[in-house]
């Protein structure tokens, strides 16, 4: 990944989207190897350049924000991770809609980060809001089995419910 990023920088420049993708992949590889600080700094830089070059609502920028949040979360910097997860969630809603898989994954990531901070009430409120947004986006006036199943797993992590019972 380092070699690809360097070749891309030399041939295409520091701000070319291909170079930024190479840097993104390098940062993820560094994180996977436990080099959280180096990966974090690389992702900060990548997000900053992507925001300037591609825009804050570019799918690539949003994806990098989410990866930065994940790296911060792994380093137990939960508050800052939550800030970046919120940006990624809002970006996904804007680009893909409130009921897209990308948006729901971003919601789950933010909720998990809240849980890690001991903010179960915030996570639960987020999950319920997400379900309501999904229902609205799909034109459903009240929860059905499919909609409930979309967020039930998240809620189950927060609440110990008797088998066969649901919160909603």
N, C-alpha and C. Protein backbone atom coordinates (compact mmCIF):
# COMPACT_ATOMS: atom_id res chain seq x y z
N UNK A 1 0.82 -1.20 0.00
CA UNK A 1 0.00 0.00 0.00
C UNK A 1 0.87 1.27 0.00
N UNK A 2 1.97 1.21 0.74
CA UNK A 2 2.88 2.37 0.75
C UNK A 2 3.42 2.64 -0.65
N UNK A 3 3.84 1.58 -1.32
CA UNK A 3 4.42 1.74 -2.65
C UNK A 3 3.36 2.28 -3.62
N UNK A 4 2.15 1.78 -3.53
CA UNK A 4 1.08 2.26 -4.41
C UNK A 4 0.80 3.74 -4.16
N UNK A 5 0.74 4.12 -2.89
CA UNK A 5 0.48 5.52 -2.54
C UNK A 5 1.60 6.41 -3.07
N UNK A 6 2.84 5.99 -2.91
CA UNK A 6 3.97 6.80 -3.38
C UNK A 6 3.97 6.92 -4.90
N UNK A 7 3.72 5.81 -5.59
CA UNK A 7 3.68 5.87 -7.06
C UNK A 7 2.55 6.77 -7.53
N UNK A 8 1.41 6.68 -6.86
CA UNK A 8 0.27 7.50 -7.24
C UNK A 8 0.56 8.98 -7.00
N UNK A 9 1.21 9.29 -5.88
CA UNK A 9 1.57 10.69 -5.59
C UNK A 9 2.49 11.23 -6.67
N UNK A 10 3.49 10.41 -7.06
CA UNK A 10 4.47 10.87 -8.05
C UNK A 10 3.83 11.06 -9.43
N UNK A 11 2.97 10.14 -9.83
CA UNK A 11 2.43 10.22 -11.17
C UNK A 11 1.16 11.07 -11.28
N UNK A 12 0.35 11.12 -10.23
CA UNK A 12 -0.94 11.82 -10.30
C UNK A 12 -1.03 13.06 -9.42
N UNK A 13 -0.21 13.12 -8.39
CA UNK A 13 -0.25 14.25 -7.47
C UNK A 13 -0.90 13.89 -6.14
N UNK A 14 -0.64 14.72 -5.14
CA UNK A 14 -1.12 14.47 -3.78
C UNK A 14 -2.64 14.53 -3.63
N UNK A 15 -3.32 15.28 -4.50
CA UNK A 15 -4.75 15.50 -4.32
C UNK A 15 -5.61 14.77 -5.33
N UNK A 16 -5.02 13.91 -6.12
CA UNK A 16 -5.78 13.13 -7.08
C UNK A 16 -6.64 12.10 -6.34
N UNK A 17 -7.89 11.88 -6.77
CA UNK A 17 -8.75 10.90 -6.11
C UNK A 17 -8.15 9.50 -6.00
N UNK A 18 -7.38 9.09 -7.01
CA UNK A 18 -6.73 7.77 -6.95
C UNK A 18 -5.69 7.74 -5.84
N UNK A 19 -4.91 8.80 -5.72
CA UNK A 19 -3.93 8.89 -4.64
C UNK A 19 -4.62 8.85 -3.29
N UNK A 20 -5.72 9.58 -3.18
CA UNK A 20 -6.46 9.60 -1.91
C UNK A 20 -7.01 8.21 -1.57
N UNK A 21 -7.45 7.45 -2.58
CA UNK A 21 -7.90 6.07 -2.33
C UNK A 21 -6.74 5.21 -1.86
N UNK A 22 -5.56 5.40 -2.45
CA UNK A 22 -4.39 4.64 -2.03
C UNK A 22 -4.04 4.95 -0.57
N UNK A 23 -4.12 6.22 -0.20
CA UNK A 23 -3.84 6.62 1.18
C UNK A 23 -4.88 6.05 2.14
N UNK A 24 -6.13 6.04 1.72
CA UNK A 24 -7.21 5.45 2.51
C UNK A 24 -6.91 3.98 2.79
N UNK A 25 -6.54 3.24 1.75
CA UNK A 25 -6.25 1.81 1.91
C UNK A 25 -5.00 1.59 2.77
N UNK A 26 -4.01 2.45 2.62
CA UNK A 26 -2.82 2.36 3.46
C UNK A 26 -3.19 2.58 4.93
N UNK A 27 -4.01 3.57 5.20
CA UNK A 27 -4.43 3.86 6.57
C UNK A 27 -5.18 2.66 7.17
N UNK A 28 -6.06 2.04 6.40
CA UNK A 28 -6.78 0.86 6.89
C UNK A 28 -5.83 -0.30 7.18
N UNK A 29 -4.84 -0.48 6.30
CA UNK A 29 -3.86 -1.55 6.52
C UNK A 29 -3.03 -1.28 7.78
N UNK A 30 -2.65 -0.02 7.97
CA UNK A 30 -1.90 0.34 9.18
C UNK A 30 -2.73 0.05 10.43
N UNK A 31 -4.00 0.43 10.38
CA UNK A 31 -4.88 0.18 11.53
C UNK A 31 -4.99 -1.32 11.80
N UNK A 32 -5.14 -2.10 10.75
CA UNK A 32 -5.27 -3.55 10.90
C UNK A 32 -4.01 -4.16 11.53
N UNK A 33 -2.87 -3.52 11.30
CA UNK A 33 -1.62 -4.00 11.87
C UNK A 33 -1.37 -3.43 13.27
N UNK A 34 -2.31 -2.63 13.77
CA UNK A 34 -2.17 -2.07 15.11
C UNK A 34 -1.48 -0.73 15.17
N UNK A 35 -1.19 -0.14 14.03
CA UNK A 35 -0.53 1.17 13.98
C UNK A 35 -1.60 2.26 13.96
N UNK A 36 -2.31 2.39 15.09
CA UNK A 36 -3.46 3.29 15.14
C UNK A 36 -3.07 4.75 14.96
N UNK A 37 -1.99 5.18 15.58
CA UNK A 37 -1.60 6.60 15.47
C UNK A 37 -1.26 6.98 14.04
N UNK A 38 -0.45 6.16 13.40
CA UNK A 38 -0.07 6.46 12.01
C UNK A 38 -1.29 6.43 11.09
N UNK A 39 -2.15 5.42 11.28
CA UNK A 39 -3.38 5.34 10.49
C UNK A 39 -4.29 6.52 10.73
N UNK A 40 -4.40 6.93 12.00
CA UNK A 40 -5.26 8.06 12.35
C UNK A 40 -4.77 9.34 11.67
N UNK A 41 -3.49 9.61 11.74
CA UNK A 41 -2.95 10.83 11.13
C UNK A 41 -3.12 10.81 9.61
N UNK A 42 -2.92 9.66 9.02
CA UNK A 42 -3.10 9.54 7.57
C UNK A 42 -4.57 9.77 7.19
N UNK A 43 -5.49 9.24 7.99
CA UNK A 43 -6.91 9.45 7.70
C UNK A 43 -7.34 10.89 7.93
N UNK A 44 -6.81 11.54 8.98
CA UNK A 44 -7.11 12.97 9.16
C UNK A 44 -6.72 13.75 7.91
N UNK A 45 -5.51 13.50 7.43
CA UNK A 45 -5.00 14.20 6.25
C UNK A 45 -5.84 13.87 5.02
N UNK A 46 -6.19 12.60 4.86
CA UNK A 46 -6.99 12.18 3.71
C UNK A 46 -8.36 12.85 3.73
N UNK A 47 -9.01 12.86 4.90
CA UNK A 47 -10.33 13.48 5.02
C UNK A 47 -10.24 14.98 4.71
N UNK A 48 -9.20 15.62 5.21
CA UNK A 48 -9.04 17.06 4.98
C UNK A 48 -8.90 17.35 3.48
N UNK A 49 -8.08 16.57 2.79
CA UNK A 49 -7.88 16.79 1.35
C UNK A 49 -9.14 16.41 0.58
N UNK A 50 -9.76 15.29 0.92
CA UNK A 50 -10.98 14.88 0.23
C UNK A 50 -12.09 15.92 0.39
N UNK A 51 -12.21 16.47 1.58
CA UNK A 51 -13.24 17.49 1.82
C UNK A 51 -13.00 18.69 0.92
N UNK A 52 -11.76 19.09 0.80
CA UNK A 52 -11.42 20.25 -0.04
C UNK A 52 -11.57 19.95 -1.53
N UNK A 53 -11.12 18.77 -1.95
CA UNK A 53 -11.08 18.42 -3.37
C UNK A 53 -12.40 17.82 -3.87
N UNK A 54 -12.97 16.90 -3.11
CA UNK A 54 -14.15 16.18 -3.55
C UNK A 54 -15.44 16.70 -2.93
N UNK A 55 -15.31 17.37 -1.79
CA UNK A 55 -16.48 17.86 -1.07
C UNK A 55 -16.81 16.96 0.11
N UNK A 56 -17.46 17.56 1.10
CA UNK A 56 -17.81 16.82 2.31
C UNK A 56 -18.85 15.74 2.06
N UNK A 57 -19.66 15.90 1.01
CA UNK A 57 -20.70 14.92 0.74
C UNK A 57 -20.32 13.90 -0.33
N UNK A 58 -19.03 13.83 -0.64
CA UNK A 58 -18.55 12.80 -1.56
C UNK A 58 -18.58 11.45 -0.85
N UNK A 59 -19.06 10.40 -1.51
CA UNK A 59 -19.03 9.07 -0.89
C UNK A 59 -17.64 8.67 -0.38
N UNK A 60 -16.59 9.03 -1.10
CA UNK A 60 -15.23 8.71 -0.66
C UNK A 60 -14.88 9.44 0.64
N UNK A 61 -15.26 10.70 0.72
CA UNK A 61 -14.99 11.48 1.93
C UNK A 61 -15.76 10.90 3.11
N UNK A 62 -17.01 10.58 2.89
CA UNK A 62 -17.85 10.02 3.95
C UNK A 62 -17.27 8.69 4.44
N UNK A 63 -16.84 7.87 3.52
CA UNK A 63 -16.24 6.58 3.88
C UNK A 63 -14.96 6.78 4.70
N UNK A 64 -14.15 7.77 4.32
CA UNK A 64 -12.92 8.05 5.06
C UNK A 64 -13.24 8.58 6.46
N UNK A 65 -14.30 9.39 6.58
CA UNK A 65 -14.72 9.87 7.90
C UNK A 65 -15.09 8.70 8.80
N UNK A 66 -15.80 7.76 8.23
CA UNK A 66 -16.21 6.58 9.00
C UNK A 66 -15.00 5.76 9.44
N UNK A 67 -14.03 5.61 8.55
CA UNK A 67 -12.81 4.87 8.89
C UNK A 67 -11.99 5.61 9.94
N UNK A 68 -11.97 6.94 9.86
CA UNK A 68 -11.29 7.73 10.89
C UNK A 68 -11.97 7.50 12.23
N UNK A 69 -13.31 7.53 12.23
CA UNK A 69 -14.06 7.30 13.47
C UNK A 69 -13.74 5.92 14.04
N UNK A 70 -13.70 4.91 13.17
CA UNK A 70 -13.40 3.55 13.62
C UNK A 70 -12.00 3.47 14.23
N UNK A 71 -11.05 4.16 13.62
CA UNK A 71 -9.68 4.17 14.14
C UNK A 71 -9.63 4.86 15.50
N UNK A 72 -10.33 5.98 15.63
CA UNK A 72 -10.39 6.68 16.91
C UNK A 72 -11.07 5.80 17.97
N UNK A 73 -12.12 5.12 17.58
CA UNK A 73 -12.82 4.22 18.51
C UNK A 73 -11.88 3.11 18.98
N UNK A 74 -11.13 2.53 18.07
CA UNK A 74 -10.19 1.47 18.44
C UNK A 74 -9.13 1.98 19.42
N UNK A 75 -8.80 3.27 19.31
CA UNK A 75 -7.86 3.88 20.24
C UNK A 75 -8.52 4.38 21.51
N UNK A 76 -9.80 4.04 21.69
CA UNK A 76 -10.60 4.40 22.86
C UNK A 76 -10.84 5.91 23.01
N UNK A 77 -10.76 6.61 21.89
CA UNK A 77 -11.08 8.04 21.87
C UNK A 77 -12.54 8.16 21.41
N UNK A 78 -13.44 7.75 22.30
CA UNK A 78 -14.85 7.58 21.93
C UNK A 78 -15.56 8.89 21.60
N UNK A 79 -15.27 9.94 22.33
CA UNK A 79 -15.97 11.21 22.07
C UNK A 79 -15.65 11.74 20.68
N UNK A 80 -14.38 11.75 20.32
CA UNK A 80 -14.03 12.23 18.99
C UNK A 80 -14.52 11.27 17.91
N UNK A 81 -14.46 9.97 18.21
CA UNK A 81 -14.99 8.99 17.26
C UNK A 81 -16.46 9.25 17.00
N UNK A 82 -17.23 9.53 18.06
CA UNK A 82 -18.66 9.81 17.89
C UNK A 82 -18.88 11.03 17.00
N UNK A 83 -18.04 12.05 17.16
CA UNK A 83 -18.15 13.25 16.31
C UNK A 83 -18.00 12.89 14.84
N UNK A 84 -17.03 12.06 14.52
CA UNK A 84 -16.82 11.66 13.13
C UNK A 84 -17.89 10.69 12.65
N UNK A 85 -18.35 9.81 13.54
CA UNK A 85 -19.46 8.92 13.16
C UNK A 85 -20.71 9.73 12.83
N UNK A 86 -20.96 10.79 13.59
CA UNK A 86 -22.13 11.64 13.33
C UNK A 86 -22.00 12.28 11.94
N UNK A 87 -20.81 12.79 11.62
CA UNK A 87 -20.60 13.38 10.29
C UNK A 87 -20.83 12.35 9.19
N UNK A 88 -20.31 11.14 9.41
CA UNK A 88 -20.48 10.07 8.41
C UNK A 88 -21.96 9.69 8.30
N UNK A 89 -22.66 9.61 9.42
CA UNK A 89 -24.08 9.27 9.39
C UNK A 89 -24.88 10.32 8.63
N UNK A 90 -24.64 11.58 8.94
CA UNK A 90 -25.35 12.66 8.25
C UNK A 90 -25.03 12.67 6.76
N UNK A 91 -23.76 12.43 6.42
CA UNK A 91 -23.37 12.37 5.01
C UNK A 91 -24.05 11.22 4.29
N UNK A 92 -24.10 10.06 4.93
CA UNK A 92 -24.78 8.91 4.31
C UNK A 92 -26.25 9.18 4.11
N UNK A 93 -26.90 9.81 5.10
CA UNK A 93 -28.32 10.14 4.94
C UNK A 93 -28.52 11.06 3.75
N UNK A 94 -27.64 12.05 3.63
CA UNK A 94 -27.76 13.04 2.54
C UNK A 94 -27.53 12.39 1.17
N UNK A 95 -26.51 11.56 1.07
CA UNK A 95 -26.14 10.98 -0.22
C UNK A 95 -27.01 9.78 -0.59
N UNK A 96 -27.23 8.87 0.35
CA UNK A 96 -27.89 7.60 0.04
C UNK A 96 -29.32 7.49 0.56
N UNK A 97 -29.71 8.38 1.47
CA UNK A 97 -31.05 8.31 2.04
C UNK A 97 -31.04 7.63 3.40
N UNK A 98 -32.09 7.86 4.19
CA UNK A 98 -32.12 7.35 5.55
C UNK A 98 -32.29 5.84 5.67
N UNK A 99 -32.74 5.19 4.61
CA UNK A 99 -32.97 3.75 4.71
C UNK A 99 -31.97 2.92 3.92
N UNK A 100 -30.85 3.53 3.51
CA UNK A 100 -29.84 2.77 2.77
C UNK A 100 -29.02 1.91 3.73
N UNK A 101 -28.42 0.87 3.19
CA UNK A 101 -27.55 0.01 4.00
C UNK A 101 -26.38 0.81 4.58
N UNK A 102 -25.83 1.73 3.79
CA UNK A 102 -24.71 2.55 4.27
C UNK A 102 -25.12 3.40 5.47
N UNK A 103 -26.32 3.98 5.39
CA UNK A 103 -26.81 4.82 6.48
C UNK A 103 -27.07 3.98 7.72
N UNK A 104 -27.67 2.82 7.55
CA UNK A 104 -27.96 1.97 8.70
C UNK A 104 -26.68 1.46 9.35
N UNK A 105 -25.66 1.16 8.55
CA UNK A 105 -24.37 0.76 9.11
C UNK A 105 -23.74 1.92 9.89
N UNK A 106 -23.83 3.12 9.34
CA UNK A 106 -23.31 4.30 10.04
C UNK A 106 -24.04 4.52 11.36
N UNK A 107 -25.34 4.28 11.36
CA UNK A 107 -26.14 4.40 12.58
C UNK A 107 -25.69 3.36 13.60
N UNK A 108 -25.49 2.14 13.15
CA UNK A 108 -25.04 1.09 14.06
C UNK A 108 -23.66 1.43 14.64
N UNK A 109 -22.76 1.95 13.81
CA UNK A 109 -21.43 2.33 14.30
C UNK A 109 -21.52 3.40 15.38
N UNK A 110 -22.32 4.44 15.14
CA UNK A 110 -22.48 5.50 16.12
C UNK A 110 -23.11 4.96 17.40
N UNK A 111 -24.13 4.13 17.26
CA UNK A 111 -24.76 3.54 18.44
C UNK A 111 -23.79 2.72 19.26
N UNK A 112 -22.96 1.92 18.60
CA UNK A 112 -21.95 1.13 19.31
C UNK A 112 -20.98 2.04 20.06
N UNK A 113 -20.60 3.13 19.42
CA UNK A 113 -19.69 4.09 20.06
C UNK A 113 -20.35 4.70 21.30
N UNK A 114 -21.64 5.04 21.18
CA UNK A 114 -22.37 5.53 22.36
C UNK A 114 -22.38 4.47 23.46
N UNK A 115 -22.63 3.22 23.07
CA UNK A 115 -22.65 2.14 24.06
C UNK A 115 -21.30 2.03 24.78
N UNK A 116 -20.21 2.13 24.02
CA UNK A 116 -18.88 2.04 24.62
C UNK A 116 -18.60 3.18 25.60
N UNK A 117 -19.30 4.29 25.42
CA UNK A 117 -19.17 5.42 26.35
C UNK A 117 -20.13 5.29 27.53
N UNK A 118 -20.94 4.23 27.52
CA UNK A 118 -21.93 4.06 28.57
C UNK A 118 -23.17 4.90 28.37
N UNK A 119 -23.39 5.35 27.15
CA UNK A 119 -24.53 6.20 26.82
C UNK A 119 -25.64 5.37 26.18
N UNK A 120 -26.14 4.39 26.92
CA UNK A 120 -27.16 3.49 26.38
C UNK A 120 -28.42 4.22 25.98
N UNK A 121 -28.82 5.24 26.74
CA UNK A 121 -30.03 6.00 26.39
C UNK A 121 -29.87 6.69 25.05
N UNK A 122 -28.69 7.27 24.81
CA UNK A 122 -28.44 7.93 23.53
C UNK A 122 -28.45 6.92 22.39
N UNK A 123 -27.87 5.74 22.63
CA UNK A 123 -27.87 4.70 21.60
C UNK A 123 -29.29 4.25 21.30
N UNK A 124 -30.08 4.03 22.34
CA UNK A 124 -31.45 3.59 22.14
C UNK A 124 -32.26 4.64 21.38
N UNK A 125 -32.11 5.91 21.75
CA UNK A 125 -32.82 6.98 21.05
C UNK A 125 -32.40 7.03 19.58
N UNK A 126 -31.12 6.85 19.32
CA UNK A 126 -30.61 6.84 17.94
C UNK A 126 -31.24 5.70 17.15
N UNK A 127 -31.30 4.51 17.74
CA UNK A 127 -31.86 3.36 17.05
C UNK A 127 -33.34 3.55 16.74
N UNK A 128 -34.07 4.07 17.70
CA UNK A 128 -35.51 4.29 17.49
C UNK A 128 -35.72 5.35 16.41
N UNK A 129 -34.93 6.42 16.47
CA UNK A 129 -35.03 7.46 15.44
C UNK A 129 -34.71 6.88 14.06
N UNK A 130 -33.69 6.04 13.99
CA UNK A 130 -33.31 5.42 12.71
C UNK A 130 -34.47 4.57 12.18
N UNK A 131 -35.10 3.80 13.05
CA UNK A 131 -36.21 2.98 12.60
C UNK A 131 -37.35 3.85 12.08
N UNK A 132 -37.64 4.93 12.79
CA UNK A 132 -38.71 5.83 12.34
C UNK A 132 -38.37 6.48 10.99
N UNK A 133 -37.10 6.83 10.78
CA UNK A 133 -36.68 7.40 9.50
C UNK A 133 -36.80 6.38 8.38
N UNK A 134 -36.47 5.12 8.68
CA UNK A 134 -36.61 4.06 7.69
C UNK A 134 -38.08 3.88 7.33
N UNK A 135 -38.92 3.86 8.34
CA UNK A 135 -40.36 3.70 8.09
C UNK A 135 -40.89 4.84 7.22
N UNK A 136 -40.53 6.06 7.57
CA UNK A 136 -40.98 7.22 6.80
C UNK A 136 -40.48 7.15 5.36
N UNK A 137 -39.19 6.82 5.19
CA UNK A 137 -38.62 6.75 3.85
C UNK A 137 -39.30 5.68 3.01
N UNK A 138 -39.77 4.64 3.65
CA UNK A 138 -40.42 3.55 2.92
C UNK A 138 -41.93 3.71 2.84
N UNK A 139 -42.44 4.81 3.39
CA UNK A 139 -43.86 5.08 3.34
C UNK A 139 -44.70 4.16 4.21
N UNK A 140 -44.11 3.69 5.29
CA UNK A 140 -44.81 2.78 6.20
C UNK A 140 -45.27 3.59 7.41
N UNK A 141 -46.55 3.50 7.74
CA UNK A 141 -47.08 4.33 8.82
C UNK A 141 -46.86 3.74 10.20
N UNK A 142 -46.70 2.43 10.32
CA UNK A 142 -46.41 1.84 11.62
C UNK A 142 -45.43 0.70 11.43
N UNK A 143 -44.66 0.38 12.46
CA UNK A 143 -43.64 -0.66 12.30
C UNK A 143 -44.23 -2.00 11.88
N UNK A 144 -43.57 -2.63 10.93
CA UNK A 144 -43.93 -4.00 10.57
C UNK A 144 -42.76 -4.90 10.97
N UNK A 145 -42.90 -6.17 10.78
CA UNK A 145 -41.87 -7.13 11.22
C UNK A 145 -40.51 -6.84 10.59
N UNK A 146 -40.50 -6.52 9.31
CA UNK A 146 -39.23 -6.26 8.62
C UNK A 146 -38.53 -5.03 9.20
N UNK A 147 -39.28 -3.97 9.44
CA UNK A 147 -38.69 -2.75 9.99
C UNK A 147 -38.16 -2.97 11.40
N UNK A 148 -38.91 -3.69 12.20
CA UNK A 148 -38.48 -3.95 13.57
C UNK A 148 -37.20 -4.78 13.58
N UNK A 149 -37.12 -5.78 12.72
CA UNK A 149 -35.93 -6.63 12.66
C UNK A 149 -34.68 -5.85 12.28
N UNK A 150 -34.83 -4.75 11.51
CA UNK A 150 -33.68 -3.95 11.09
C UNK A 150 -32.91 -3.38 12.28
N UNK A 151 -33.64 -3.03 13.34
CA UNK A 151 -32.96 -2.40 14.48
C UNK A 151 -33.03 -3.24 15.75
N UNK A 152 -33.76 -4.34 15.74
CA UNK A 152 -33.92 -5.14 16.95
C UNK A 152 -32.58 -5.64 17.48
N UNK A 153 -31.68 -6.04 16.60
CA UNK A 153 -30.37 -6.52 17.05
C UNK A 153 -29.60 -5.46 17.81
N UNK A 154 -29.71 -4.22 17.36
CA UNK A 154 -29.02 -3.13 18.06
C UNK A 154 -29.63 -2.95 19.45
N UNK A 155 -30.95 -2.95 19.48
CA UNK A 155 -31.65 -2.73 20.75
C UNK A 155 -31.39 -3.89 21.71
N UNK A 156 -31.32 -5.10 21.19
CA UNK A 156 -31.06 -6.27 22.04
C UNK A 156 -29.73 -6.15 22.77
N UNK A 157 -28.75 -5.52 22.16
CA UNK A 157 -27.47 -5.34 22.84
C UNK A 157 -27.61 -4.42 24.05
N UNK A 158 -28.58 -3.53 24.00
CA UNK A 158 -28.77 -2.56 25.08
C UNK A 158 -29.65 -3.07 26.20
N UNK A 159 -30.56 -3.94 25.87
CA UNK A 159 -31.57 -4.39 26.83
C UNK A 159 -31.54 -5.90 26.94
N UNK A 160 -31.70 -6.39 28.12
CA UNK A 160 -31.83 -7.83 28.29
C UNK A 160 -33.33 -8.11 28.30
N UNK A 161 -33.81 -8.69 27.21
CA UNK A 161 -35.23 -8.96 27.05
C UNK A 161 -35.46 -10.47 27.13
N UNK A 162 -36.60 -10.87 27.67
CA UNK A 162 -36.91 -12.30 27.68
C UNK A 162 -37.00 -12.82 26.25
N UNK A 163 -36.65 -14.07 26.02
CA UNK A 163 -36.72 -14.63 24.66
C UNK A 163 -38.11 -14.43 24.07
N UNK A 164 -38.16 -14.05 22.81
CA UNK A 164 -39.41 -13.87 22.10
C UNK A 164 -40.07 -12.53 22.30
N UNK A 165 -39.52 -11.65 23.14
CA UNK A 165 -40.08 -10.34 23.37
C UNK A 165 -39.32 -9.29 22.58
N UNK A 166 -40.01 -8.24 22.17
CA UNK A 166 -39.37 -7.13 21.48
C UNK A 166 -39.72 -5.85 22.21
N UNK A 167 -38.88 -4.86 22.07
CA UNK A 167 -39.09 -3.58 22.71
C UNK A 167 -40.14 -2.78 21.98
N UNK A 168 -40.22 -2.94 20.64
CA UNK A 168 -41.13 -2.13 19.83
C UNK A 168 -42.35 -2.91 19.43
